[in-house]
Each structure stands twice: as structure tokens, then as C-alpha cells.
Amino acid sequence: PHHHVTPGGYLTLAIDPVRNYLTVYEYLVNNHWIIWDYETGFVHLTGIWKASSSLKADIVKLLESTPKQYQPYIKRIRGGFLKIQGTWLPFNLCRVLARRFCYYIRYELIPIFG
């Protein structure tokens, strides 16, 4: 599939209190934004989850099943720009979790995960 990946930027303090913005690459999959911050490496799990057509309630179970040592790295953005609200994870953790639910959109995620 061909994706139109574009750069963008958003103001928020939720990911990194030192930086008050996200510097991202983003593209649409199934009318949902796949977004990753190329400065911090954090990936917007919520967008991937929605693009995969997974049930909203199950994302809580997925995150609860994440080993305790990774819990401090899970960031949540509430409020502000709707597009970036939700759960953000470090790249490697997001890639591991995406393998559990993204089979049907796996080719759509090549721009981000390879």
C-alpha cells in the first residue's frame, strides 16, 4: 500500500515535561491517524488500535497485560488536540503490543515498524 506520510507538530506536556511539543510523522489508515514522535520515539497506540478496528474496551486489557517494568513508560494525553489524545508508548513496546492485534493492517504499518 502507498501511504502519504507527512510531518507535523503538536503542543503538549504529556509525553515529555521538558519539551512542550511533539514532532511527528503521521498518516491515515482506515480513517484513523497513525502518529509517531520522531524526537522521543513514542508512538500513538490509540490510533493504531482504532485503525485495526479493535474494540475500545480491550485496549485497557492490553495495557494491563503489559509487564509492570514497562508501566512507567506508558504515557496518556488527555485534553488538548483530539488527534493526539490517548495512549503513547515507546517505539519498541508499541511494536511488540501491535503484533498482538494488528494482523489485518500489518502491511499498513510498514512505514512505522518496517
PDB file of N, CA and C in Angstrom:
ATOM      1  N   PRO A   1       0.821  -1.196   0.000  1.00  0.00           N
ATOM      2  CA  PRO A   1       0.000   0.000   0.000  1.00  0.00           C
ATOM      3  C   PRO A   1       0.867   1.264   0.000  1.00  0.00           C
ATOM      4  N   HIS A   2       0.355   2.313  -0.598  1.00  0.00           N
ATOM      5  CA  HIS A   2       1.058   3.585  -0.632  1.00  0.00           C
ATOM      6  C   HIS A   2       0.494   4.493   0.463  1.00  0.00           C
ATOM      7  N   HIS A   3       1.377   5.081   1.242  1.00  0.00           N
ATOM      8  CA  HIS A   3       0.945   5.970   2.320  1.00  0.00           C
ATOM      9  C   HIS A   3       1.524   7.354   2.113  1.00  0.00           C
ATOM     10  N   HIS A   4       0.723   8.341   2.406  1.00  0.00           N
ATOM     11  CA  HIS A   4       1.172   9.726   2.322  1.00  0.00           C
ATOM     12  C   HIS A   4       1.572  10.161   3.735  1.00  0.00           C
ATOM     13  N   VAL A   5       2.842   9.951   4.082  1.00  0.00           N
ATOM     14  CA  VAL A   5       3.354  10.288   5.407  1.00  0.00           C
ATOM     15  C   VAL A   5       3.757  11.757   5.408  1.00  0.00           C
ATOM     16  N   THR A   6       3.242  12.496   6.389  1.00  0.00           N
ATOM     17  CA  THR A   6       3.547  13.923   6.464  1.00  0.00           C
ATOM     18  C   THR A   6       4.104  14.275   7.842  1.00  0.00           C
ATOM     19  N   PRO A   7       4.958  15.288   7.902  1.00  0.00           N
ATOM     20  CA  PRO A   7       5.446  15.756   9.206  1.00  0.00           C
ATOM     21  C   PRO A   7       4.416  16.678   9.853  1.00  0.00           C
ATOM     22  N   GLY A   8       4.460  16.779  11.158  1.00  0.00           N
ATOM     23  CA  GLY A   8       3.549  17.667  11.870  1.00  0.00           C
ATOM     24  C   GLY A   8       4.100  18.010  13.236  1.00  0.00           C
ATOM     25  N   GLY A   9       3.404  18.861  13.939  1.00  0.00           N
ATOM     26  CA  GLY A   9       3.803  19.241  15.288  1.00  0.00           C
ATOM     27  C   GLY A   9       2.587  19.594  16.120  1.00  0.00           C
ATOM     28  N   TYR A  10       2.629  19.248  17.408  1.00  0.00           N
ATOM     29  CA  TYR A  10       1.513  19.498  18.317  1.00  0.00           C
ATOM     30  C   TYR A  10       2.055  19.928  19.673  1.00  0.00           C
ATOM     31  N   LEU A  11       1.378  20.859  20.315  1.00  0.00           N
ATOM     32  CA  LEU A  11       1.760  21.307  21.647  1.00  0.00           C
ATOM     33  C   LEU A  11       1.147  20.396  22.699  1.00  0.00           C
ATOM     34  N   THR A  12       1.981  19.898  23.623  1.00  0.00           N
ATOM     35  CA  THR A  12       1.512  19.095  24.753  1.00  0.00           C
ATOM     36  C   THR A  12       2.671  18.917  25.720  1.00  0.00           C
ATOM     37  N   LEU A  13       2.368  18.755  26.990  1.00  0.00           N
ATOM     38  CA  LEU A  13       3.393  18.481  28.002  1.00  0.00           C
ATOM     39  C   LEU A  13       3.345  17.028  28.457  1.00  0.00           C
ATOM     40  N   ALA A  14       2.414  16.249  27.949  1.00  0.00           N
ATOM     41  CA  ALA A  14       2.143  14.923  28.499  1.00  0.00           C
ATOM     42  C   ALA A  14       3.242  13.894  28.241  1.00  0.00           C
ATOM     43  N   ILE A  15       3.947  13.974  27.135  1.00  0.00           N
ATOM     44  CA  ILE A  15       4.961  12.969  26.818  1.00  0.00           C
ATOM     45  C   ILE A  15       6.277  13.281  27.519  1.00  0.00           C
ATOM     46  N   ASP A  16       6.701  14.519  27.432  1.00  0.00           N
ATOM     47  CA  ASP A  16       7.999  14.919  27.979  1.00  0.00           C
ATOM     48  C   ASP A  16       7.848  16.310  28.591  1.00  0.00           C
ATOM     49  N   PRO A  17       7.962  16.424  29.926  1.00  0.00           N
ATOM     50  CA  PRO A  17       7.753  17.727  30.556  1.00  0.00           C
ATOM     51  C   PRO A  17       8.793  18.783  30.161  1.00  0.00           C
ATOM     52  N   VAL A  18       9.923  18.354  29.632  1.00  0.00           N
ATOM     53  CA  VAL A  18      10.957  19.293  29.197  1.00  0.00           C
ATOM     54  C   VAL A  18      10.603  19.894  27.838  1.00  0.00           C
ATOM     55  N   ARG A  19      10.023  19.083  26.970  1.00  0.00           N
ATOM     56  CA  ARG A  19       9.587  19.540  25.640  1.00  0.00           C
ATOM     57  C   ARG A  19       8.081  19.732  25.679  1.00  0.00           C
ATOM     58  N   ASN A  20       7.595  20.859  25.246  1.00  0.00           N
ATOM     59  CA  ASN A  20       6.145  21.093  25.292  1.00  0.00           C
ATOM     60  C   ASN A  20       5.490  20.866  23.932  1.00  0.00           C
ATOM     61  N   TYR A  21       6.086  20.004  23.132  1.00  0.00           N
ATOM     62  CA  TYR A  21       5.538  19.748  21.799  1.00  0.00           C
ATOM     63  C   TYR A  21       5.929  18.347  21.326  1.00  0.00           C
ATOM     64  N   LEU A  22       5.194  17.869  20.334  1.00  0.00           N
ATOM     65  CA  LEU A  22       5.513  16.618  19.645  1.00  0.00           C
ATOM     66  C   LEU A  22       5.961  16.978  18.235  1.00  0.00           C
ATOM     67  N   THR A  23       6.991  16.315  17.755  1.00  0.00           N
ATOM     68  CA  THR A  23       7.415  16.450  16.355  1.00  0.00           C
ATOM     69  C   THR A  23       7.153  15.097  15.721  1.00  0.00           C
ATOM     70  N   VAL A  24       6.174  15.035  14.843  1.00  0.00           N
ATOM     71  CA  VAL A  24       5.645  13.739  14.422  1.00  0.00           C
ATOM     72  C   VAL A  24       5.685  13.531  12.915  1.00  0.00           C
ATOM     73  N   TYR A  25       5.606  12.251  12.568  1.00  0.00           N
ATOM     74  CA  TYR A  25       5.216  11.823  11.235  1.00  0.00           C
ATOM     75  C   TYR A  25       3.858  11.179  11.415  1.00  0.00           C
ATOM     76  N   GLU A  26       2.981  11.367  10.436  1.00  0.00           N
ATOM     77  CA  GLU A  26       1.633  10.830  10.570  1.00  0.00           C
ATOM     78  C   GLU A  26       1.055  10.477   9.208  1.00  0.00           C
ATOM     79  N   TYR A  27       0.153   9.498   9.215  1.00  0.00           N
ATOM     80  CA  TYR A  27      -0.566   9.118   8.000  1.00  0.00           C
ATOM     81  C   TYR A  27      -1.853   8.408   8.392  1.00  0.00           C
ATOM     82  N   LEU A  28      -2.788   8.356   7.459  1.00  0.00           N
ATOM     83  CA  LEU A  28      -4.105   7.764   7.717  1.00  0.00           C
ATOM     84  C   LEU A  28      -4.153   6.284   7.358  1.00  0.00           C
ATOM     85  N   VAL A  29      -4.795   5.504   8.224  1.00  0.00           N
ATOM     86  CA  VAL A  29      -5.117   4.105   7.956  1.00  0.00           C
ATOM     87  C   VAL A  29      -6.549   3.902   8.438  1.00  0.00           C
ATOM     88  N   ASN A  30      -7.426   3.492   7.542  1.00  0.00           N
ATOM     89  CA  ASN A  30      -8.838   3.264   7.897  1.00  0.00           C
ATOM     90  C   ASN A  30      -9.452   4.480   8.602  1.00  0.00           C
ATOM     91  N   ASN A  31      -9.136   5.658   8.118  1.00  0.00           N
ATOM     92  CA  ASN A  31      -9.653   6.920   8.670  1.00  0.00           C
ATOM     93  C   ASN A  31      -9.202   7.218  10.095  1.00  0.00           C
ATOM     94  N   HIS A  32      -8.102   6.615  10.523  1.00  0.00           N
ATOM     95  CA  HIS A  32      -7.511   6.904  11.833  1.00  0.00           C
ATOM     96  C   HIS A  32      -6.044   7.246  11.629  1.00  0.00           C
ATOM     97  N   TRP A  33      -5.543   8.160  12.446  1.00  0.00           N
ATOM     98  CA  TRP A  33      -4.173   8.635  12.296  1.00  0.00           C
ATOM     99  C   TRP A  33      -3.178   7.718  12.987  1.00  0.00           C
ATOM    100  N   ILE A  34      -2.166   7.316  12.237  1.00  0.00           N
ATOM    101  CA  ILE A  34      -1.007   6.610  12.774  1.00  0.00           C
ATOM    102  C   ILE A  34       0.043   7.698  12.983  1.00  0.00           C
ATOM    103  N   ILE A  35       0.468   7.883  14.225  1.00  0.00           N
ATOM    104  CA  ILE A  35       1.344   9.008  14.558  1.00  0.00           C
ATOM    105  C   ILE A  35       2.509   8.516  15.413  1.00  0.00           C
ATOM    106  N   TRP A  36       3.713   8.975  15.089  1.00  0.00           N
ATOM    107  CA  TRP A  36       4.847   8.724  15.974  1.00  0.00           C
ATOM    108  C   TRP A  36       5.721   9.956  16.058  1.00  0.00           C
ATOM    109  N   ASP A  37       6.212  10.199  17.276  1.00  0.00           N
ATOM    110  CA  ASP A  37       7.072  11.347  17.553  1.00  0.00           C
ATOM    111  C   ASP A  37       8.507  10.929  17.252  1.00  0.00           C
ATOM    112  N   TYR A  38       9.094  11.507  16.222  1.00  0.00           N
ATOM    113  CA  TYR A  38      10.433  11.076  15.813  1.00  0.00           C
ATOM    114  C   TYR A  38      11.535  11.627  16.708  1.00  0.00           C
ATOM    115  N   GLU A  39      11.222  12.518  17.634  1.00  0.00           N
ATOM    116  CA  GLU A  39      12.227  13.003  18.591  1.00  0.00           C
ATOM    117  C   GLU A  39      12.315  12.078  19.804  1.00  0.00           C
ATOM    118  N   THR A  40      11.161  11.670  20.335  1.00  0.00           N
ATOM    119  CA  THR A  40      11.151  10.833  21.539  1.00  0.00           C
ATOM    120  C   THR A  40      11.037   9.351  21.215  1.00  0.00           C
ATOM    121  N   GLY A  41      10.527   9.022  20.031  1.00  0.00           N
ATOM    122  CA  GLY A  41      10.296   7.626  19.680  1.00  0.00           C
ATOM    123  C   GLY A  41       8.945   7.106  20.143  1.00  0.00           C
ATOM    124  N   PHE A  42       8.145   7.941  20.794  1.00  0.00           N
ATOM    125  CA  PHE A  42       6.841   7.483  21.260  1.00  0.00           C
ATOM    126  C   PHE A  42       5.866   7.352  20.094  1.00  0.00           C
ATOM    127  N   VAL A  43       5.016   6.310  20.181  1.00  0.00           N
ATOM    128  CA  VAL A  43       4.040   6.003  19.134  1.00  0.00           C
ATOM    129  C   VAL A  43       2.639   6.077  19.740  1.00  0.00           C
ATOM    130  N   HIS A  44       1.697   6.623  18.979  1.00  0.00           N
ATOM    131  CA  HIS A  44       0.306   6.771  19.423  1.00  0.00           C
ATOM    132  C   HIS A  44      -0.421   5.436  19.250  1.00  0.00           C
ATOM    133  N   LEU A  45      -0.437   4.645  20.298  1.00  0.00           N
ATOM    134  CA  LEU A  45      -1.073   3.328  20.258  1.00  0.00           C
ATOM    135  C   LEU A  45      -2.567   3.437  19.966  1.00  0.00           C
ATOM    136  N   THR A  46      -3.220   4.452  20.477  1.00  0.00           N
ATOM    137  CA  THR A  46      -4.667   4.600  20.293  1.00  0.00           C
ATOM    138  C   THR A  46      -5.045   4.651  18.815  1.00  0.00           C
ATOM    139  N   GLY A  47      -4.280   5.368  18.007  1.00  0.00           N
ATOM    140  CA  GLY A  47      -4.565   5.446  16.576  1.00  0.00           C
ATOM    141  C   GLY A  47      -4.418   4.104  15.883  1.00  0.00           C
ATOM    142  N   ILE A  48      -3.378   3.362  16.251  1.00  0.00           N
ATOM    143  CA  ILE A  48      -3.170   2.026  15.674  1.00  0.00           C
ATOM    144  C   ILE A  48      -4.312   1.108  16.090  1.00  0.00           C
ATOM    145  N   TRP A  49      -4.690   1.186  17.361  1.00  0.00           N
ATOM    146  CA  TRP A  49      -5.782   0.369  17.889  1.00  0.00           C
ATOM    147  C   TRP A  49      -7.075   0.625  17.114  1.00  0.00           C
ATOM    148  N   LYS A  50      -7.416   1.897  16.922  1.00  0.00           N
ATOM    149  CA  LYS A  50      -8.641   2.242  16.203  1.00  0.00           C
ATOM    150  C   LYS A  50      -8.564   1.821  14.735  1.00  0.00           C
ATOM    151  N   ALA A  51      -7.411   1.998  14.109  1.00  0.00           N
ATOM    152  CA  ALA A  51      -7.247   1.619  12.700  1.00  0.00           C
ATOM    153  C   ALA A  51      -7.411   0.119  12.506  1.00  0.00           C
ATOM    154  N   SER A  52      -7.094  -0.655  13.542  1.00  0.00           N
ATOM    155  CA  SER A  52      -7.221  -2.111  13.448  1.00  0.00           C
ATOM    156  C   SER A  52      -8.648  -2.575  13.712  1.00  0.00           C
ATOM    157  N   SER A  53      -9.546  -1.650  14.022  1.00  0.00           N
ATOM    158  CA  SER A  53     -10.958  -1.942  14.319  1.00  0.00           C
ATOM    159  C   SER A  53     -11.131  -2.781  15.577  1.00  0.00           C
ATOM    160  N   SER A  54     -10.195  -2.677  16.505  1.00  0.00           N
ATOM    161  CA  SER A  54     -10.315  -3.398  17.773  1.00  0.00           C
ATOM    162  C   SER A  54     -11.323  -2.691  18.668  1.00  0.00           C
ATOM    163  N   LEU A  55     -11.914  -3.448  19.577  1.00  0.00           N
ATOM    164  CA  LEU A  55     -12.894  -2.876  20.493  1.00  0.00           C
ATOM    165  C   LEU A  55     -12.205  -1.963  21.497  1.00  0.00           C
ATOM    166  N   LYS A  56     -12.823  -0.829  21.763  1.00  0.00           N
ATOM    167  CA  LYS A  56     -12.220   0.184  22.630  1.00  0.00           C
ATOM    168  C   LYS A  56     -11.882  -0.364  24.021  1.00  0.00           C
ATOM    169  N   ALA A  57     -12.783  -1.128  24.622  1.00  0.00           N
ATOM    170  CA  ALA A  57     -12.567  -1.622  25.984  1.00  0.00           C
ATOM    171  C   ALA A  57     -11.350  -2.539  26.073  1.00  0.00           C
ATOM    172  N   ASP A  58     -11.039  -3.238  24.996  1.00  0.00           N
ATOM    173  CA  ASP A  58      -9.945  -4.205  25.035  1.00  0.00           C
ATOM    174  C   ASP A  58      -8.570  -3.560  25.111  1.00  0.00           C
ATOM    175  N   ILE A  59      -8.441  -2.286  24.774  1.00  0.00           N
ATOM    176  CA  ILE A  59      -7.136  -1.632  24.877  1.00  0.00           C
ATOM    177  C   ILE A  59      -6.706  -1.571  26.346  1.00  0.00           C
ATOM    178  N   VAL A  60      -7.673  -1.461  27.256  1.00  0.00           N
ATOM    179  CA  VAL A  60      -7.366  -1.453  28.686  1.00  0.00           C
ATOM    180  C   VAL A  60      -6.765  -2.791  29.089  1.00  0.00           C
ATOM    181  N   LYS A  61      -7.355  -3.886  28.615  1.00  0.00           N
ATOM    182  CA  LYS A  61      -6.828  -5.224  28.917  1.00  0.00           C
ATOM    183  C   LYS A  61      -5.422  -5.395  28.362  1.00  0.00           C
ATOM    184  N   LEU A  62      -5.206  -4.907  27.147  1.00  0.00           N
ATOM    185  CA  LEU A  62      -3.886  -4.998  26.522  1.00  0.00           C
ATOM    186  C   LEU A  62      -2.847  -4.274  27.376  1.00  0.00           C
ATOM    187  N   LEU A  63      -3.168  -3.078  27.813  1.00  0.00           N
ATOM    188  CA  LEU A  63      -2.225  -2.303  28.622  1.00  0.00           C
ATOM    189  C   LEU A  63      -2.029  -2.913  30.002  1.00  0.00           C
ATOM    190  N   GLU A  64      -3.090  -3.464  30.576  1.00  0.00           N
ATOM    191  CA  GLU A  64      -2.965  -4.109  31.886  1.00  0.00           C
ATOM    192  C   GLU A  64      -2.106  -5.362  31.814  1.00  0.00           C
ATOM    193  N   SER A  65      -2.071  -6.011  30.651  1.00  0.00           N
ATOM    194  CA  SER A  65      -1.262  -7.224  30.491  1.00  0.00           C
ATOM    195  C   SER A  65       0.209  -6.910  30.230  1.00  0.00           C
ATOM    196  N   THR A  66       0.528  -5.626  30.076  1.00  0.00           N
ATOM    197  CA  THR A  66       1.912  -5.217  29.852  1.00  0.00           C
ATOM    198  C   THR A  66       2.692  -5.401  31.149  1.00  0.00           C
ATOM    199  N   PRO A  67       3.876  -6.035  31.087  1.00  0.00           N
ATOM    200  CA  PRO A  67       4.664  -6.255  32.309  1.00  0.00           C
ATOM    201  C   PRO A  67       4.890  -4.962  33.101  1.00  0.00           C
ATOM    202  N   LYS A  68       4.901  -5.105  34.433  1.00  0.00           N
ATOM    203  CA  LYS A  68       4.998  -3.961  35.347  1.00  0.00           C
ATOM    204  C   LYS A  68       6.188  -3.052  35.058  1.00  0.00           C
ATOM    205  N   GLN A  69       7.321  -3.615  34.636  1.00  0.00           N
ATOM    206  CA  GLN A  69       8.505  -2.774  34.421  1.00  0.00           C
ATOM    207  C   GLN A  69       8.311  -1.775  33.287  1.00  0.00           C
ATOM    208  N   TYR A  70       7.328  -2.010  32.405  1.00  0.00           N
ATOM    209  CA  TYR A  70       7.072  -1.092  31.296  1.00  0.00           C
ATOM    210  C   TYR A  70       5.997  -0.058  31.619  1.00  0.00           C
ATOM    211  N   GLN A  71       5.246  -0.267  32.691  1.00  0.00           N
ATOM    212  CA  GLN A  71       4.139   0.632  33.028  1.00  0.00           C
ATOM    213  C   GLN A  71       4.552   2.106  33.141  1.00  0.00           C
ATOM    214  N   PRO A  72       5.720   2.420  33.737  1.00  0.00           N
ATOM    215  CA  PRO A  72       6.095   3.842  33.848  1.00  0.00           C
ATOM    216  C   PRO A  72       6.309   4.528  32.495  1.00  0.00           C
ATOM    217  N   TYR A  73       6.511   3.759  31.437  1.00  0.00           N
ATOM    218  CA  TYR A  73       6.777   4.334  30.119  1.00  0.00           C
ATOM    219  C   TYR A  73       5.506   4.604  29.314  1.00  0.00           C
ATOM    220  N   ILE A  74       4.366   4.149  29.823  1.00  0.00           N
ATOM    221  CA  ILE A  74       3.098   4.373  29.137  1.00  0.00           C
ATOM    222  C   ILE A  74       2.626   5.788  29.459  1.00  0.00           C
ATOM    223  N   LYS A  75       2.434   6.590  28.427  1.00  0.00           N
ATOM    224  CA  LYS A  75       2.022   7.989  28.603  1.00  0.00           C
ATOM    225  C   LYS A  75       0.616   8.167  28.053  1.00  0.00           C
ATOM    226  N   ARG A  76      -0.162   9.006  28.715  1.00  0.00           N
ATOM    227  CA  ARG A  76      -1.523   9.279  28.254  1.00  0.00           C
ATOM    228  C   ARG A  76      -1.713  10.773  28.058  1.00  0.00           C
ATOM    229  N   ILE A  77      -2.270  11.119  26.932  1.00  0.00           N
ATOM    230  CA  ILE A  77      -2.592  12.520  26.659  1.00  0.00           C
ATOM    231  C   ILE A  77      -4.099  12.670  26.752  1.00  0.00           C
ATOM    232  N   ARG A  78      -4.522  13.538  27.656  1.00  0.00           N
ATOM    233  CA  ARG A  78      -5.950  13.840  27.819  1.00  0.00           C
ATOM    234  C   ARG A  78      -6.110  15.336  27.624  1.00  0.00           C
ATOM    235  N   GLY A  79      -7.143  15.719  26.940  1.00  0.00           N
ATOM    236  CA  GLY A  79      -7.356  17.137  26.683  1.00  0.00           C
ATOM    237  C   GLY A  79      -6.497  17.608  25.522  1.00  0.00           C
ATOM    238  N   GLY A  80      -6.711  18.832  25.122  1.00  0.00           N
ATOM    239  CA  GLY A  80      -5.950  19.367  24.001  1.00  0.00           C
ATOM    240  C   GLY A  80      -6.477  18.860  22.667  1.00  0.00           C
ATOM    241  N   PHE A  81      -5.597  18.769  21.709  1.00  0.00           N
ATOM    242  CA  PHE A  81      -5.965  18.407  20.345  1.00  0.00           C
ATOM    243  C   PHE A  81      -6.424  16.955  20.281  1.00  0.00           C
ATOM    244  N   LEU A  82      -7.642  16.712  19.810  1.00  0.00           N
ATOM    245  CA  LEU A  82      -8.254  15.387  19.813  1.00  0.00           C
ATOM    246  C   LEU A  82      -7.398  14.331  19.117  1.00  0.00           C
ATOM    247  N   LYS A  83      -6.771  14.689  18.034  1.00  0.00           N
ATOM    248  CA  LYS A  83      -5.997  13.740  17.230  1.00  0.00           C
ATOM    249  C   LYS A  83      -4.884  13.056  18.032  1.00  0.00           C
ATOM    250  N   ILE A  84      -4.310  13.741  19.009  1.00  0.00           N
ATOM    251  CA  ILE A  84      -3.179  13.168  19.753  1.00  0.00           C
ATOM    252  C   ILE A  84      -3.580  12.619  21.118  1.00  0.00           C
ATOM    253  N   GLN A  85      -4.868  12.709  21.463  1.00  0.00           N
ATOM    254  CA  GLN A  85      -5.318  12.170  22.746  1.00  0.00           C
ATOM    255  C   GLN A  85      -5.230  10.651  22.736  1.00  0.00           C
ATOM    256  N   GLY A  86      -4.958  10.094  23.901  1.00  0.00           N
ATOM    257  CA  GLY A  86      -4.904   8.645  24.026  1.00  0.00           C
ATOM    258  C   GLY A  86      -3.589   8.175  24.600  1.00  0.00           C
ATOM    259  N   THR A  87      -3.254   6.933  24.311  1.00  0.00           N
ATOM    260  CA  THR A  87      -2.091   6.274  24.892  1.00  0.00           C
ATOM    261  C   THR A  87      -0.907   6.315  23.945  1.00  0.00           C
ATOM    262  N   TRP A  88       0.240   6.703  24.474  1.00  0.00           N
ATOM    263  CA  TRP A  88       1.502   6.763  23.731  1.00  0.00           C
ATOM    264  C   TRP A  88       2.495   5.829  24.404  1.00  0.00           C
ATOM    265  N   LEU A  89       3.228   5.072  23.585  1.00  0.00           N
ATOM    266  CA  LEU A  89       4.196   4.101  24.101  1.00  0.00           C
ATOM    267  C   LEU A  89       5.540   4.274  23.409  1.00  0.00           C
ATOM    268  N   PRO A  90       6.619   3.860  24.085  1.00  0.00           N
ATOM    269  CA  PRO A  90       7.909   3.832  23.394  1.00  0.00           C
ATOM    270  C   PRO A  90       7.825   2.902  22.179  1.00  0.00           C
ATOM    271  N   PHE A  91       8.567   3.224  21.140  1.00  0.00           N
ATOM    272  CA  PHE A  91       8.521   2.504  19.866  1.00  0.00           C
ATOM    273  C   PHE A  91       8.573   0.985  20.038  1.00  0.00           C
ATOM    274  N   ASN A  92       9.592   0.465  20.733  1.00  0.00           N
ATOM    275  CA  ASN A  92       9.757  -0.994  20.830  1.00  0.00           C
ATOM    276  C   ASN A  92       8.597  -1.663  21.549  1.00  0.00           C
ATOM    277  N   LEU A  93       8.101  -1.055  22.607  1.00  0.00           N
ATOM    278  CA  LEU A  93       6.960  -1.614  23.327  1.00  0.00           C
ATOM    279  C   LEU A  93       5.710  -1.594  22.447  1.00  0.00           C
ATOM    280  N   CYS A  94       5.501  -0.510  21.730  1.00  0.00           N
ATOM    281  CA  CYS A  94       4.338  -0.417  20.841  1.00  0.00           C
ATOM    282  C   CYS A  94       4.406  -1.479  19.747  1.00  0.00           C
ATOM    283  N   ARG A  95       5.586  -1.700  19.206  1.00  0.00           N
ATOM    284  CA  ARG A  95       5.745  -2.712  18.155  1.00  0.00           C
ATOM    285  C   ARG A  95       5.403  -4.105  18.673  1.00  0.00           C
ATOM    286  N   VAL A  96       5.873  -4.420  19.875  1.00  0.00           N
ATOM    287  CA  VAL A  96       5.576  -5.726  20.471  1.00  0.00           C
ATOM    288  C   VAL A  96       4.068  -5.883  20.687  1.00  0.00           C
ATOM    289  N   LEU A  97       3.428  -4.869  21.254  1.00  0.00           N
ATOM    290  CA  LEU A  97       1.986  -4.958  21.511  1.00  0.00           C
ATOM    291  C   LEU A  97       1.180  -4.985  20.220  1.00  0.00           C
ATOM    292  N   ALA A  98       1.611  -4.245  19.210  1.00  0.00           N
ATOM    293  CA  ALA A  98       0.886  -4.205  17.931  1.00  0.00           C
ATOM    294  C   ALA A  98       0.832  -5.585  17.282  1.00  0.00           C
ATOM    295  N   ARG A  99       1.835  -6.396  17.505  1.00  0.00           N
ATOM    296  CA  ARG A  99       1.830  -7.755  16.940  1.00  0.00           C
ATOM    297  C   ARG A  99       0.657  -8.579  17.450  1.00  0.00           C
ATOM    298  N   ARG A 100       0.115  -8.211  18.591  1.00  0.00           N
ATOM    299  CA  ARG A 100      -0.996  -8.961  19.183  1.00  0.00           C
ATOM    300  C   ARG A 100      -2.334  -8.678  18.514  1.00  0.00           C
ATOM    301  N   PHE A 101      -2.477  -7.519  17.853  1.00  0.00           N
ATOM    302  CA  PHE A 101      -3.811  -7.167  17.349  1.00  0.00           C
ATOM    303  C   PHE A 101      -3.830  -6.555  15.949  1.00  0.00           C
ATOM    304  N   CYS A 102      -2.703  -6.461  15.286  1.00  0.00           N
ATOM    305  CA  CYS A 102      -2.649  -5.731  14.008  1.00  0.00           C
ATOM    306  C   CYS A 102      -2.472  -6.608  12.775  1.00  0.00           C
ATOM    307  N   TYR A 103      -2.789  -7.871  12.864  1.00  0.00           N
ATOM    308  CA  TYR A 103      -2.558  -8.753  11.722  1.00  0.00           C
ATOM    309  C   TYR A 103      -3.194  -8.211  10.439  1.00  0.00           C
ATOM    310  N   TYR A 104      -4.436  -7.764  10.521  1.00  0.00           N
ATOM    311  CA  TYR A 104      -5.156  -7.350   9.307  1.00  0.00           C
ATOM    312  C   TYR A 104      -4.686  -6.021   8.737  1.00  0.00           C
ATOM    313  N   ILE A 105      -3.946  -5.248   9.517  1.00  0.00           N
ATOM    314  CA  ILE A 105      -3.403  -3.986   8.991  1.00  0.00           C
ATOM    315  C   ILE A 105      -1.868  -4.000   8.993  1.00  0.00           C
ATOM    316  N   ARG A 106      -1.267  -5.183   9.076  1.00  0.00           N
ATOM    317  CA  ARG A 106       0.195  -5.272   9.201  1.00  0.00           C
ATOM    318  C   ARG A 106       0.932  -4.568   8.069  1.00  0.00           C
ATOM    319  N   TYR A 107       0.416  -4.665   6.852  1.00  0.00           N
ATOM    320  CA  TYR A 107       1.092  -4.003   5.727  1.00  0.00           C
ATOM    321  C   TYR A 107       0.933  -2.486   5.793  1.00  0.00           C
ATOM    322  N   GLU A 108      -0.126  -2.032   6.438  1.00  0.00           N
ATOM    323  CA  GLU A 108      -0.346  -0.592   6.607  1.00  0.00           C
ATOM    324  C   GLU A 108       0.638   0.010   7.612  1.00  0.00           C
ATOM    325  N   LEU A 109       1.250  -0.830   8.423  1.00  0.00           N
ATOM    326  CA  LEU A 109       2.158  -0.337   9.461  1.00  0.00           C
ATOM    327  C   LEU A 109       3.628  -0.395   9.057  1.00  0.00           C
ATOM    328  N   ILE A 110       3.912  -0.821   7.836  1.00  0.00           N
ATOM    329  CA  ILE A 110       5.301  -0.882   7.363  1.00  0.00           C
ATOM    330  C   ILE A 110       6.007   0.473   7.463  1.00  0.00           C
ATOM    331  N   PRO A 111       5.359   1.602   7.140  1.00  0.00           N
ATOM    332  CA  PRO A 111       6.077   2.878   7.259  1.00  0.00           C
ATOM    333  C   PRO A 111       6.587   3.170   8.676  1.00  0.00           C
ATOM    334  N   ILE A 112       5.916   2.645   9.668  1.00  0.00           N
ATOM    335  CA  ILE A 112       6.351   2.926  11.036  1.00  0.00           C
ATOM    336  C   ILE A 112       7.225   1.816  11.611  1.00  0.00           C
ATOM    337  N   PHE A 113       6.849   0.568  11.410  1.00  0.00           N
ATOM    338  CA  PHE A 113       7.566  -0.535  12.041  1.00  0.00           C
ATOM    339  C   PHE A 113       8.496  -1.294  11.100  1.00  0.00           C
ATOM    340  N   GLY A 114       8.391  -1.025   9.816  1.00  0.00           N
ATOM    341  CA  GLY A 114       9.229  -1.736   8.853  1.00  0.00           C
ATOM    342  C   GLY A 114       8.681  -3.094   8.506  1.00  0.00           C
TER     343      GLY A 114
END
